[in-house]
Protein backbone atom coordinates (compact mmCIF):
# COMPACT_ATOMS: atom_id res chain seq x y z
CA MET A 1 -13.46 -13.36 16.09
CA PRO A 2 -9.84 -12.80 17.29
CA ARG A 3 -9.37 -11.58 20.86
CA ASN A 4 -7.86 -8.20 19.92
CA THR A 5 -10.67 -7.52 17.43
CA ARG A 6 -13.29 -8.16 20.12
CA GLN A 7 -11.45 -5.79 22.49
CA ARG A 8 -11.26 -3.03 19.87
CA LEU A 9 -14.95 -3.41 19.05
CA ARG A 10 -15.76 -2.88 22.72
CA GLY A 11 -13.52 0.22 22.73
CA GLN A 12 -10.95 -1.39 25.00
CA ILE A 13 -7.78 -0.89 23.00
CA PRO A 14 -4.86 -2.34 24.96
CA THR A 15 -1.76 -0.16 24.83
CA ASN A 16 0.60 -3.15 24.72
CA ASP A 17 -1.17 -5.00 21.90
CA THR A 18 1.46 -5.73 19.23
CA PHE A 19 -1.27 -5.57 16.57
CA LEU A 20 -1.47 -1.80 17.09
CA PHE A 21 2.21 -1.39 16.13
CA GLU A 22 2.34 -3.92 13.31
CA ILE A 23 1.98 -1.41 10.47
CA PHE A 24 4.63 0.89 11.96
CA GLU A 25 7.07 -2.03 12.29
CA PHE A 26 6.34 -3.12 8.72
CA PHE A 27 7.50 0.22 7.31
CA LYS A 28 10.39 0.56 9.76
CA ARG A 29 11.83 -2.73 8.46
CA ARG A 30 11.71 -1.39 4.90
CA GLU A 31 13.04 2.14 5.29
CA ARG A 32 16.64 1.19 4.42
CA SER A 33 15.67 -0.85 1.37
CA VAL A 34 13.92 1.90 -0.57
CA ASP A 35 15.18 5.07 -2.23
CA PHE A 36 12.49 7.38 -0.87
CA PRO A 37 11.77 8.61 2.64
CA ILE A 38 9.47 6.56 4.81
CA VAL A 39 8.06 8.69 7.58
CA SER A 40 6.66 7.01 10.66
CA LEU A 41 3.46 8.48 12.03
CA LEU A 42 3.92 6.60 15.30
CA PRO A 43 5.58 9.46 17.23
CA ASP A 44 2.72 11.78 16.25
CA PHE A 45 0.10 9.34 17.47
CA GLN A 46 2.08 8.73 20.67
CA ARG A 47 2.39 12.48 21.33
CA GLU A 48 -1.36 12.86 20.94
CA GLY A 49 -1.89 10.50 23.85
CA ARG A 50 -4.51 7.87 24.36
CA ASP A 51 -7.32 10.05 25.67
CA GLU A 52 -9.18 9.82 22.39
CA VAL A 53 -9.49 6.79 20.14
CA THR A 54 -8.09 7.56 16.68
CA VAL A 55 -9.68 4.74 14.71
CA ILE A 56 -13.18 3.65 13.87
CA LEU A 57 -13.51 0.77 16.28
CA ALA A 58 -15.43 -1.49 13.91
CA ASP A 59 -12.81 -1.52 11.14
CA ASP A 60 -9.52 0.09 12.27
CA HIS A 61 -9.67 2.99 9.78
CA TYR A 62 -8.79 6.43 11.09
CA ASN A 63 -11.60 8.53 12.45
CA GLU A 64 -11.61 12.36 12.25
CA THR A 65 -8.94 12.66 14.96
CA GLY A 66 -6.75 10.02 13.36
CA HIS A 67 -6.99 11.75 9.97
CA ARG A 68 -6.01 15.08 11.53
CA ILE A 69 -2.95 13.58 13.24
CA ALA A 70 -1.87 11.72 10.10
CA GLY A 71 -2.48 14.70 7.81
CA GLU A 72 -0.50 17.10 9.99
CA ALA A 73 2.37 14.61 10.26
CA MET A 74 2.46 13.99 6.51
CA ALA A 75 2.34 17.71 5.70
CA ARG A 76 5.23 18.35 8.09
CA ALA A 77 7.23 15.47 6.54
CA LEU A 78 6.65 16.77 3.01
CA ILE A 79 7.87 20.23 4.00
CA ASP A 80 10.81 18.92 6.07
CA ASN A 81 11.98 16.76 3.13
CA ASN A 82 11.64 19.70 0.71
CA LEU A 83 9.07 17.82 -1.34
CA VAL A 84 6.63 20.76 -1.23
CA PRO A 85 7.19 24.44 -0.44
CA SER A 86 6.53 25.52 3.14
CA SER A 87 4.26 28.37 2.04
CA HIS A 88 1.99 29.19 -0.86
CA PRO A 89 2.83 32.05 -3.27
């Protein structure tokens, strides 16, 4: 089992582990090559702080907190980019 996987399974998520930022970097590299907005969720996760783990430690999927952060960020991005109305009729 890779070192960073063992650390995550024990709940010891290192803040400087490049694996944690890999998906954000992947999309950042592509944002100029597509004709639709790519919105990074990284600032939202960073603002939330590291007091609470935002993934299920066994498989790296978002837990309830991670889903809330991602959902709020995506809703804000959809409204800010005028892709959905900001209020319901």
